[in-house]
Amino acid sequence: KGSVIQRIKKHSAFVNAIDISPNNQFIATASCDKTVNIWYFNNVKKEYNLYNTLDQHKDTVWSVDFSRYNHQVLTCSADTTVLIININNEQIKEFKHVLMS
């Protein structure tokens, strides 16, 4: 049976998705509060701390996935956009009017 190592809290609504970067240094959480939080592993404290909040969506963020390069995420939102954003909150690419069924 697993045990809780750390609870990370920041979102003001439900978390819909989570992904871990390929290098295991970052965690991304997507939420109904329209944001994606990026968490980094602090080697000194041996815990995850908030690195940045990505706030470019206008509605619930349904999913988040890290790229294989660790510093970009692909997000999908109820605002009908799919975004590629780096973890410093700089938009790389936007795909508009993406409808999911």
PDB file of N, CA and C in Angstrom:
ATOM      1  N   LYS A   1       0.847  -1.186   0.000  1.00  0.00           N
ATOM      2  CA  LYS A   1       0.000   0.000   0.000  1.00  0.00           C
ATOM      3  C   LYS A   1       0.882   1.236   0.000  1.00  0.00           C
ATOM      4  N   GLY A   2       0.533   2.206  -0.847  1.00  0.00           N
ATOM      5  CA  GLY A   2       1.276   3.457  -0.938  1.00  0.00           C
ATOM      6  C   GLY A   2       0.948   4.392   0.207  1.00  0.00           C
ATOM      7  N   SER A   3       1.784   5.378   0.387  1.00  0.00           N
ATOM      8  CA  SER A   3       1.541   6.382   1.412  1.00  0.00           C
ATOM      9  C   SER A   3       1.759   7.772   0.824  1.00  0.00           C
ATOM     10  N   VAL A   4       1.129   8.765   1.420  1.00  0.00           N
ATOM     11  CA  VAL A   4       1.259  10.143   0.967  1.00  0.00           C
ATOM     12  C   VAL A   4       2.643  10.649   1.349  1.00  0.00           C
ATOM     13  N   ILE A   5       3.372  11.145   0.366  1.00  0.00           N
ATOM     14  CA  ILE A   5       4.689  11.720   0.618  1.00  0.00           C
ATOM     15  C   ILE A   5       4.564  13.212   0.861  1.00  0.00           C
ATOM     16  N   GLN A   6       3.724  13.866   0.050  1.00  0.00           N
ATOM     17  CA  GLN A   6       3.528  15.308   0.178  1.00  0.00           C
ATOM     18  C   GLN A   6       2.212  15.688  -0.475  1.00  0.00           C
ATOM     19  N   ARG A   7       1.488  16.577   0.144  1.00  0.00           N
ATOM     20  CA  ARG A   7       0.291  17.170  -0.470  1.00  0.00           C
ATOM     21  C   ARG A   7       0.686  18.537  -1.014  1.00  0.00           C
ATOM     22  N   ILE A   8       0.368  18.763  -2.291  1.00  0.00           N
ATOM     23  CA  ILE A   8       0.666  20.066  -2.876  1.00  0.00           C
ATOM     24  C   ILE A   8      -0.665  20.760  -3.187  1.00  0.00           C
ATOM     25  N   LYS A   9      -0.844  21.929  -2.623  1.00  0.00           N
ATOM     26  CA  LYS A   9      -2.107  22.655  -2.745  1.00  0.00           C
ATOM     27  C   LYS A   9      -1.847  24.060  -3.261  1.00  0.00           C
ATOM     28  N   LYS A  10      -2.634  24.447  -4.234  1.00  0.00           N
ATOM     29  CA  LYS A  10      -2.577  25.814  -4.751  1.00  0.00           C
ATOM     30  C   LYS A  10      -3.838  26.158  -5.528  1.00  0.00           C
ATOM     31  N   HIS A  11      -4.415  25.164  -6.204  1.00  0.00           N
ATOM     32  CA  HIS A  11      -5.593  25.427  -7.030  1.00  0.00           C
ATOM     33  C   HIS A  11      -6.798  25.784  -6.167  1.00  0.00           C
ATOM     34  N   SER A  12      -7.698  26.577  -6.744  1.00  0.00           N
ATOM     35  CA  SER A  12      -8.921  26.967  -6.047  1.00  0.00           C
ATOM     36  C   SER A  12     -10.130  26.153  -6.508  1.00  0.00           C
ATOM     37  N   ALA A  13      -9.887  25.157  -7.357  1.00  0.00           N
ATOM     38  CA  ALA A  13     -10.960  24.284  -7.854  1.00  0.00           C
ATOM     39  C   ALA A  13     -10.374  22.888  -8.104  1.00  0.00           C
ATOM     40  N   PHE A  14     -11.211  21.991  -8.607  1.00  0.00           N
ATOM     41  CA  PHE A  14     -10.790  20.606  -8.838  1.00  0.00           C
ATOM     42  C   PHE A  14      -9.592  20.522  -9.773  1.00  0.00           C
ATOM     43  N   VAL A  15      -8.729  19.555  -9.520  1.00  0.00           N
ATOM     44  CA  VAL A  15      -7.612  19.237 -10.410  1.00  0.00           C
ATOM     45  C   VAL A  15      -8.084  18.156 -11.376  1.00  0.00           C
ATOM     46  N   ASN A  16      -7.936  18.410 -12.673  1.00  0.00           N
ATOM     47  CA  ASN A  16      -8.405  17.484 -13.708  1.00  0.00           C
ATOM     48  C   ASN A  16      -7.318  16.569 -14.246  1.00  0.00           C
ATOM     49  N   ALA A  17      -6.070  17.025 -14.204  1.00  0.00           N
ATOM     50  CA  ALA A  17      -4.982  16.236 -14.797  1.00  0.00           C
ATOM     51  C   ALA A  17      -3.671  16.569 -14.112  1.00  0.00           C
ATOM     52  N   ILE A  18      -2.755  15.618 -14.215  1.00  0.00           N
ATOM     53  CA  ILE A  18      -1.419  15.798 -13.660  1.00  0.00           C
ATOM     54  C   ILE A  18      -0.432  15.084 -14.569  1.00  0.00           C
ATOM     55  N   ASP A  19       0.774  15.659 -14.701  1.00  0.00           N
ATOM     56  CA  ASP A  19       1.821  15.009 -15.481  1.00  0.00           C
ATOM     57  C   ASP A  19       3.161  15.287 -14.813  1.00  0.00           C
ATOM     58  N   ILE A  20       4.078  14.361 -14.967  1.00  0.00           N
ATOM     59  CA  ILE A  20       5.427  14.491 -14.433  1.00  0.00           C
ATOM     60  C   ILE A  20       6.377  14.637 -15.607  1.00  0.00           C
ATOM     61  N   SER A  21       7.287  15.599 -15.524  1.00  0.00           N
ATOM     62  CA  SER A  21       8.241  15.824 -16.616  1.00  0.00           C
ATOM     63  C   SER A  21       9.142  14.607 -16.787  1.00  0.00           C
ATOM     64  N   PRO A  22       9.639  14.393 -17.999  1.00  0.00           N
ATOM     65  CA  PRO A  22      10.501  13.223 -18.256  1.00  0.00           C
ATOM     66  C   PRO A  22      11.726  13.147 -17.351  1.00  0.00           C
ATOM     67  N   ASN A  23      12.241  14.298 -16.897  1.00  0.00           N
ATOM     68  CA  ASN A  23      13.408  14.273 -16.008  1.00  0.00           C
ATOM     69  C   ASN A  23      13.022  14.182 -14.526  1.00  0.00           C
ATOM     70  N   ASN A  24      11.727  14.064 -14.235  1.00  0.00           N
ATOM     71  CA  ASN A  24      11.186  13.938 -12.875  1.00  0.00           C
ATOM     72  C   ASN A  24      11.430  15.163 -11.992  1.00  0.00           C
ATOM     73  N   GLN A  25      11.777  16.287 -12.565  1.00  0.00           N
ATOM     74  CA  GLN A  25      12.047  17.491 -11.784  1.00  0.00           C
ATOM     75  C   GLN A  25      10.816  18.391 -11.635  1.00  0.00           C
ATOM     76  N   PHE A  26       9.808  18.209 -12.508  1.00  0.00           N
ATOM     77  CA  PHE A  26       8.627  19.058 -12.480  1.00  0.00           C
ATOM     78  C   PHE A  26       7.353  18.220 -12.483  1.00  0.00           C
ATOM     79  N   ILE A  27       6.320  18.766 -11.869  1.00  0.00           N
ATOM     80  CA  ILE A  27       4.966  18.221 -11.939  1.00  0.00           C
ATOM     81  C   ILE A  27       4.080  19.350 -12.449  1.00  0.00           C
ATOM     82  N   ALA A  28       3.151  19.033 -13.334  1.00  0.00           N
ATOM     83  CA  ALA A  28       2.167  20.009 -13.804  1.00  0.00           C
ATOM     84  C   ALA A  28       0.783  19.530 -13.385  1.00  0.00           C
ATOM     85  N   THR A  29      -0.043  20.447 -12.883  1.00  0.00           N
ATOM     86  CA  THR A  29      -1.413  20.138 -12.508  1.00  0.00           C
ATOM     87  C   THR A  29      -2.360  21.076 -13.249  1.00  0.00           C
ATOM     88  N   ALA A  30      -3.398  20.527 -13.869  1.00  0.00           N
ATOM     89  CA  ALA A  30      -4.389  21.305 -14.620  1.00  0.00           C
ATOM     90  C   ALA A  30      -5.692  21.329 -13.834  1.00  0.00           C
ATOM     91  N   SER A  31      -6.382  22.476 -13.857  1.00  0.00           N
ATOM     92  CA  SER A  31      -7.518  22.638 -12.949  1.00  0.00           C
ATOM     93  C   SER A  31      -8.723  23.337 -13.578  1.00  0.00           C
ATOM     94  N   CYS A  32      -9.854  23.184 -12.889  1.00  0.00           N
ATOM     95  CA  CYS A  32     -11.074  23.912 -13.239  1.00  0.00           C
ATOM     96  C   CYS A  32     -10.941  25.404 -12.951  1.00  0.00           C
ATOM     97  N   ASP A  33      -9.909  25.818 -12.224  1.00  0.00           N
ATOM     98  CA  ASP A  33      -9.718  27.245 -11.945  1.00  0.00           C
ATOM     99  C   ASP A  33      -9.037  27.991 -13.096  1.00  0.00           C
ATOM    100  N   LYS A  34      -8.918  27.326 -14.262  1.00  0.00           N
ATOM    101  CA  LYS A  34      -8.393  27.910 -15.509  1.00  0.00           C
ATOM    102  C   LYS A  34      -6.873  28.007 -15.549  1.00  0.00           C
ATOM    103  N   THR A  35      -6.194  27.365 -14.612  1.00  0.00           N
ATOM    104  CA  THR A  35      -4.740  27.466 -14.550  1.00  0.00           C
ATOM    105  C   THR A  35      -4.062  26.101 -14.602  1.00  0.00           C
ATOM    106  N   VAL A  36      -2.777  26.160 -14.912  1.00  0.00           N
ATOM    107  CA  VAL A  36      -1.881  25.014 -14.786  1.00  0.00           C
ATOM    108  C   VAL A  36      -0.784  25.451 -13.829  1.00  0.00           C
ATOM    109  N   ASN A  37      -0.570  24.669 -12.783  1.00  0.00           N
ATOM    110  CA  ASN A  37       0.523  24.963 -11.860  1.00  0.00           C
ATOM    111  C   ASN A  37       1.700  24.056 -12.182  1.00  0.00           C
ATOM    112  N   ILE A  38       2.877  24.658 -12.182  1.00  0.00           N
ATOM    113  CA  ILE A  38       4.119  23.919 -12.399  1.00  0.00           C
ATOM    114  C   ILE A  38       4.845  23.872 -11.053  1.00  0.00           C
ATOM    115  N   TRP A  39       5.202  22.675 -10.631  1.00  0.00           N
ATOM    116  CA  TRP A  39       5.891  22.434  -9.362  1.00  0.00           C
ATOM    117  C   TRP A  39       7.276  21.891  -9.665  1.00  0.00           C
ATOM    118  N   TYR A  40       8.291  22.326  -8.918  1.00  0.00           N
ATOM    119  CA  TYR A  40       9.639  21.800  -9.114  1.00  0.00           C
ATOM    120  C   TYR A  40      10.089  21.075  -7.850  1.00  0.00           C
ATOM    121  N   PHE A  41      10.969  20.100  -8.030  1.00  0.00           N
ATOM    122  CA  PHE A  41      11.472  19.365  -6.887  1.00  0.00           C
ATOM    123  C   PHE A  41      12.662  20.098  -6.287  1.00  0.00           C
ATOM    124  N   ASN A  42      12.526  20.481  -5.023  1.00  0.00           N
ATOM    125  CA  ASN A  42      13.579  21.166  -4.288  1.00  0.00           C
ATOM    126  C   ASN A  42      14.462  20.090  -3.643  1.00  0.00           C
ATOM    127  N   ASN A  43      15.670  19.918  -4.166  1.00  0.00           N
ATOM    128  CA  ASN A  43      16.570  18.876  -3.672  1.00  0.00           C
ATOM    129  C   ASN A  43      17.036  19.117  -2.239  1.00  0.00           C
ATOM    130  N   VAL A  44      17.081  20.368  -1.803  1.00  0.00           N
ATOM    131  CA  VAL A  44      17.512  20.670  -0.437  1.00  0.00           C
ATOM    132  C   VAL A  44      16.427  20.267   0.566  1.00  0.00           C
ATOM    133  N   LYS A  45      15.179  20.698   0.289  1.00  0.00           N
ATOM    134  CA  LYS A  45      14.063  20.400   1.193  1.00  0.00           C
ATOM    135  C   LYS A  45      13.438  19.029   0.939  1.00  0.00           C
ATOM    136  N   LYS A  46      13.789  18.417  -0.202  1.00  0.00           N
ATOM    137  CA  LYS A  46      13.225  17.116  -0.594  1.00  0.00           C
ATOM    138  C   LYS A  46      11.705  17.178  -0.691  1.00  0.00           C
ATOM    139  N   GLU A  47      11.216  18.246  -1.364  1.00  0.00           N
ATOM    140  CA  GLU A  47       9.783  18.412  -1.567  1.00  0.00           C
ATOM    141  C   GLU A  47       9.530  19.220  -2.830  1.00  0.00           C
ATOM    142  N   TYR A  48       8.288  19.163  -3.324  1.00  0.00           N
ATOM    143  CA  TYR A  48       7.889  19.962  -4.481  1.00  0.00           C
ATOM    144  C   TYR A  48       7.416  21.327  -4.019  1.00  0.00           C
ATOM    145  N   ASN A  49       7.860  22.376  -4.724  1.00  0.00           N
ATOM    146  CA  ASN A  49       7.448  23.745  -4.459  1.00  0.00           C
ATOM    147  C   ASN A  49       6.893  24.349  -5.740  1.00  0.00           C
ATOM    148  N   LEU A  50       5.990  25.332  -5.594  1.00  0.00           N
ATOM    149  CA  LEU A  50       5.410  25.984  -6.767  1.00  0.00           C
ATOM    150  C   LEU A  50       6.495  26.732  -7.534  1.00  0.00           C
ATOM    151  N   TYR A  51       6.575  26.453  -8.823  1.00  0.00           N
ATOM    152  CA  TYR A  51       7.521  27.136  -9.705  1.00  0.00           C
ATOM    153  C   TYR A  51       6.836  28.287 -10.441  1.00  0.00           C
ATOM    154  N   ASN A  52       5.639  27.999 -11.012  1.00  0.00           N
ATOM    155  CA  ASN A  52       4.931  29.017 -11.784  1.00  0.00           C
ATOM    156  C   ASN A  52       3.478  28.610 -11.965  1.00  0.00           C
ATOM    157  N   THR A  53       2.632  29.598 -12.209  1.00  0.00           N
ATOM    158  CA  THR A  53       1.235  29.362 -12.557  1.00  0.00           C
ATOM    159  C   THR A  53       1.022  29.855 -13.979  1.00  0.00           C
ATOM    160  N   LEU A  54       0.559  28.953 -14.832  1.00  0.00           N
ATOM    161  CA  LEU A  54       0.274  29.280 -16.233  1.00  0.00           C
ATOM    162  C   LEU A  54      -1.201  29.665 -16.311  1.00  0.00           C
ATOM    163  N   ASP A  55      -1.466  30.886 -16.732  1.00  0.00           N
ATOM    164  CA  ASP A  55      -2.818  31.436 -16.626  1.00  0.00           C
ATOM    165  C   ASP A  55      -3.365  31.952 -17.957  1.00  0.00           C
ATOM    166  N   GLN A  56      -3.053  31.286 -19.036  1.00  0.00           N
ATOM    167  CA  GLN A  56      -3.447  31.787 -20.351  1.00  0.00           C
ATOM    168  C   GLN A  56      -4.795  31.269 -20.857  1.00  0.00           C
ATOM    169  N   HIS A  57      -5.394  30.314 -20.168  1.00  0.00           N
ATOM    170  CA  HIS A  57      -6.708  29.818 -20.596  1.00  0.00           C
ATOM    171  C   HIS A  57      -7.832  30.651 -19.973  1.00  0.00           C
ATOM    172  N   LYS A  58      -8.981  30.648 -20.649  1.00  0.00           N
ATOM    173  CA  LYS A  58     -10.140  31.417 -20.206  1.00  0.00           C
ATOM    174  C   LYS A  58     -11.231  30.539 -19.596  1.00  0.00           C
ATOM    175  N   ASP A  59     -10.972  29.221 -19.524  1.00  0.00           N
ATOM    176  CA  ASP A  59     -11.958  28.287 -18.970  1.00  0.00           C
ATOM    177  C   ASP A  59     -11.201  27.087 -18.400  1.00  0.00           C
ATOM    178  N   THR A  60     -11.920  26.130 -17.893  1.00  0.00           N
ATOM    179  CA  THR A  60     -11.351  24.920 -17.287  1.00  0.00           C
ATOM    180  C   THR A  60     -10.253  24.314 -18.156  1.00  0.00           C
ATOM    181  N   VAL A  61      -9.163  23.946 -17.526  1.00  0.00           N
ATOM    182  CA  VAL A  61      -8.091  23.246 -18.226  1.00  0.00           C
ATOM    183  C   VAL A  61      -8.283  21.750 -17.975  1.00  0.00           C
ATOM    184  N   TRP A  62      -8.503  21.007 -19.057  1.00  0.00           N
ATOM    185  CA  TRP A  62      -8.826  19.585 -18.959  1.00  0.00           C
ATOM    186  C   TRP A  62      -7.598  18.684 -18.893  1.00  0.00           C
ATOM    187  N   SER A  63      -6.537  19.075 -19.602  1.00  0.00           N
ATOM    188  CA  SER A  63      -5.379  18.178 -19.631  1.00  0.00           C
ATOM    189  C   SER A  63      -4.080  18.965 -19.744  1.00  0.00           C
ATOM    190  N   VAL A  64      -3.012  18.301 -19.344  1.00  0.00           N
ATOM    191  CA  VAL A  64      -1.668  18.877 -19.433  1.00  0.00           C
ATOM    192  C   VAL A  64      -0.683  17.733 -19.645  1.00  0.00           C
ATOM    193  N   ASP A  65       0.264  17.947 -20.558  1.00  0.00           N
ATOM    194  CA  ASP A  65       1.305  16.952 -20.831  1.00  0.00           C
ATOM    195  C   ASP A  65       2.622  17.666 -21.078  1.00  0.00           C
ATOM    196  N   PHE A  66       3.683  17.170 -20.447  1.00  0.00           N
ATOM    197  CA  PHE A  66       5.017  17.717 -20.686  1.00  0.00           C
ATOM    198  C   PHE A  66       5.560  17.244 -22.024  1.00  0.00           C
ATOM    199  N   SER A  67       6.343  18.098 -22.648  1.00  0.00           N
ATOM    200  CA  SER A  67       7.093  17.680 -23.828  1.00  0.00           C
ATOM    201  C   SER A  67       8.283  16.851 -23.359  1.00  0.00           C
ATOM    202  N   ARG A  68       8.923  16.192 -24.274  1.00  0.00           N
ATOM    203  CA  ARG A  68      10.086  15.386 -23.900  1.00  0.00           C
ATOM    204  C   ARG A  68      11.280  16.255 -23.516  1.00  0.00           C
ATOM    205  N   TYR A  69      11.173  17.565 -23.739  1.00  0.00           N
ATOM    206  CA  TYR A  69      12.264  18.489 -23.407  1.00  0.00           C
ATOM    207  C   TYR A  69      12.120  19.103 -22.022  1.00  0.00           C
ATOM    208  N   ASN A  70      11.081  18.735 -21.275  1.00  0.00           N
ATOM    209  CA  ASN A  70      10.871  19.089 -19.868  1.00  0.00           C
ATOM    210  C   ASN A  70      10.399  20.511 -19.588  1.00  0.00           C
ATOM    211  N   HIS A  71      10.570  21.455 -20.494  1.00  0.00           N
ATOM    212  CA  HIS A  71      10.258  22.852 -20.188  1.00  0.00           C
ATOM    213  C   HIS A  71       9.077  23.421 -20.977  1.00  0.00           C
ATOM    214  N   GLN A  72       8.323  22.548 -21.626  1.00  0.00           N
ATOM    215  CA  GLN A  72       7.110  22.974 -22.327  1.00  0.00           C
ATOM    216  C   GLN A  72       5.984  22.007 -21.983  1.00  0.00           C
ATOM    217  N   VAL A  73       4.757  22.553 -21.947  1.00  0.00           N
ATOM    218  CA  VAL A  73       3.586  21.717 -21.726  1.00  0.00           C
ATOM    219  C   VAL A  73       2.562  21.974 -22.833  1.00  0.00           C
ATOM    220  N   LEU A  74       1.790  20.957 -23.106  1.00  0.00           N
ATOM    221  CA  LEU A  74       0.658  21.036 -24.028  1.00  0.00           C
ATOM    222  C   LEU A  74      -0.585  21.002 -23.163  1.00  0.00           C
ATOM    223  N   THR A  75      -1.460  21.998 -23.320  1.00  0.00           N
ATOM    224  CA  THR A  75      -2.670  22.070 -22.505  1.00  0.00           C
ATOM    225  C   THR A  75      -3.908  22.109 -23.393  1.00  0.00           C
ATOM    226  N   CYS A  76      -5.006  21.611 -22.864  1.00  0.00           N
ATOM    227  CA  CYS A  76      -6.282  21.590 -23.581  1.00  0.00           C
ATOM    228  C   CYS A  76      -7.348  22.130 -22.629  1.00  0.00           C
ATOM    229  N   SER A  77      -8.179  23.052 -23.139  1.00  0.00           N
ATOM    230  CA  SER A  77      -9.123  23.742 -22.268  1.00  0.00           C
ATOM    231  C   SER A  77     -10.540  23.752 -22.834  1.00  0.00           C
ATOM    232  N   ALA A  78     -11.496  23.962 -21.940  1.00  0.00           N
ATOM    233  CA  ALA A  78     -12.896  24.138 -22.335  1.00  0.00           C
ATOM    234  C   ALA A  78     -13.105  25.430 -23.117  1.00  0.00           C
ATOM    235  N   ASP A  79     -12.105  26.300 -23.155  1.00  0.00           N
ATOM    236  CA  ASP A  79     -12.205  27.522 -23.966  1.00  0.00           C
ATOM    237  C   ASP A  79     -11.941  27.236 -25.453  1.00  0.00           C
ATOM    238  N   THR A  80     -11.856  25.981 -25.819  1.00  0.00           N
ATOM    239  CA  THR A  80     -11.637  25.448 -27.176  1.00  0.00           C
ATOM    240  C   THR A  80     -10.258  25.754 -27.742  1.00  0.00           C
ATOM    241  N   THR A  81      -9.278  25.955 -26.861  1.00  0.00           N
ATOM    242  CA  THR A  81      -7.915  26.141 -27.331  1.00  0.00           C
ATOM    243  C   THR A  81      -7.008  25.031 -26.804  1.00  0.00           C
ATOM    244  N   VAL A  82      -6.012  24.746 -27.598  1.00  0.00           N
ATOM    245  CA  VAL A  82      -4.899  23.893 -27.191  1.00  0.00           C
ATOM    246  C   VAL A  82      -3.671  24.786 -27.267  1.00  0.00           C
ATOM    247  N   LEU A  83      -2.905  24.829 -26.178  1.00  0.00           N
ATOM    248  CA  LEU A  83      -1.741  25.706 -26.127  1.00  0.00           C
ATOM    249  C   LEU A  83      -0.471  24.908 -25.875  1.00  0.00           C
ATOM    250  N   ILE A  84       0.612  25.376 -26.470  1.00  0.00           N
ATOM    251  CA  ILE A  84       1.947  24.936 -26.091  1.00  0.00           C
ATOM    252  C   ILE A  84       2.558  26.118 -25.359  1.00  0.00           C
ATOM    253  N   ILE A  85       2.912  25.904 -24.099  1.00  0.00           N
ATOM    254  CA  ILE A  85       3.399  26.982 -23.234  1.00  0.00           C
ATOM    255  C   ILE A  85       4.688  26.503 -22.574  1.00  0.00           C
ATOM    256  N   ASN A  86       5.679  27.390 -22.458  1.00  0.00           N
ATOM    257  CA  ASN A  86       6.844  26.977 -21.681  1.00  0.00           C
ATOM    258  C   ASN A  86       6.555  27.218 -20.205  1.00  0.00           C
ATOM    259  N   ILE A  87       7.357  26.625 -19.338  1.00  0.00           N
ATOM    260  CA  ILE A  87       7.048  26.679 -17.908  1.00  0.00           C
ATOM    261  C   ILE A  87       7.250  28.059 -17.302  1.00  0.00           C
ATOM    262  N   ASN A  88       7.731  29.014 -18.096  1.00  0.00           N
ATOM    263  CA  ASN A  88       7.829  30.404 -17.648  1.00  0.00           C
ATOM    264  C   ASN A  88       6.616  31.222 -18.082  1.00  0.00           C
ATOM    265  N   ASN A  89       5.575  30.540 -18.567  1.00  0.00           N
ATOM    266  CA  ASN A  89       4.291  31.132 -18.965  1.00  0.00           C
ATOM    267  C   ASN A  89       4.377  31.920 -20.272  1.00  0.00           C
ATOM    268  N   GLU A  90       5.280  31.530 -21.152  1.00  0.00           N
ATOM    269  CA  GLU A  90       5.388  32.147 -22.476  1.00  0.00           C
ATOM    270  C   GLU A  90       4.755  31.208 -23.499  1.00  0.00           C
ATOM    271  N   GLN A  91       3.741  31.716 -24.199  1.00  0.00           N
ATOM    272  CA  GLN A  91       3.040  30.896 -25.184  1.00  0.00           C
ATOM    273  C   GLN A  91       3.909  30.649 -26.404  1.00  0.00           C
ATOM    274  N   ILE A  92       3.993  29.403 -26.812  1.00  0.00           N
ATOM    275  CA  ILE A  92       4.766  29.006 -27.986  1.00  0.00           C
ATOM    276  C   ILE A  92       3.842  28.903 -29.208  1.00  0.00           C
ATOM    277  N   LYS A  93       2.677  28.295 -29.013  1.00  0.00           N
ATOM    278  CA  LYS A  93       1.743  28.058 -30.132  1.00  0.00           C
ATOM    279  C   LYS A  93       0.331  27.937 -29.573  1.00  0.00           C
ATOM    280  N   GLU A  94      -0.640  28.450 -30.334  1.00  0.00           N
ATOM    281  CA  GLU A  94      -2.050  28.333 -29.963  1.00  0.00           C
ATOM    282  C   GLU A  94      -2.827  27.709 -31.109  1.00  0.00           C
ATOM    283  N   PHE A  95      -3.652  26.743 -30.778  1.00  0.00           N
ATOM    284  CA  PHE A  95      -4.574  26.121 -31.737  1.00  0.00           C
ATOM    285  C   PHE A  95      -5.968  26.498 -31.259  1.00  0.00           C
ATOM    286  N   LYS A  96      -6.704  27.284 -32.078  1.00  0.00           N
ATOM    287  CA  LYS A  96      -8.020  27.794 -31.679  1.00  0.00           C
ATOM    288  C   LYS A  96      -9.142  26.905 -32.194  1.00  0.00           C
ATOM    289  N   HIS A  97     -10.249  26.982 -31.488  1.00  0.00           N
ATOM    290  CA  HIS A  97     -11.502  26.341 -31.868  1.00  0.00           C
ATOM    291  C   HIS A  97     -11.352  24.821 -32.024  1.00  0.00           C
ATOM    292  N   VAL A  98     -10.617  24.232 -31.107  1.00  0.00           N
ATOM    293  CA  VAL A  98     -10.465  22.774 -31.080  1.00  0.00           C
ATOM    294  C   VAL A  98     -11.618  22.219 -30.271  1.00  0.00           C
ATOM    295  N   LEU A  99     -12.457  21.433 -30.903  1.00  0.00           N
ATOM    296  CA  LEU A  99     -13.613  20.858 -30.235  1.00  0.00           C
ATOM    297  C   LEU A  99     -13.364  19.399 -29.929  1.00  0.00           C
ATOM    298  N   MET A 100     -13.666  19.007 -28.708  1.00  0.00           N
ATOM    299  CA  MET A 100     -13.467  17.614 -28.284  1.00  0.00           C
ATOM    300  C   MET A 100     -14.822  16.984 -28.068  1.00  0.00           C
ATOM    301  N   SER A 101     -14.895  15.699 -28.323  1.00  0.00           N
ATOM    302  CA  SER A 101     -16.154  15.004 -28.059  1.00  0.00           C
ATOM    303  C   SER A 101     -15.949  13.893 -27.071  1.00  0.00           C
TER     304      SER A 101
END
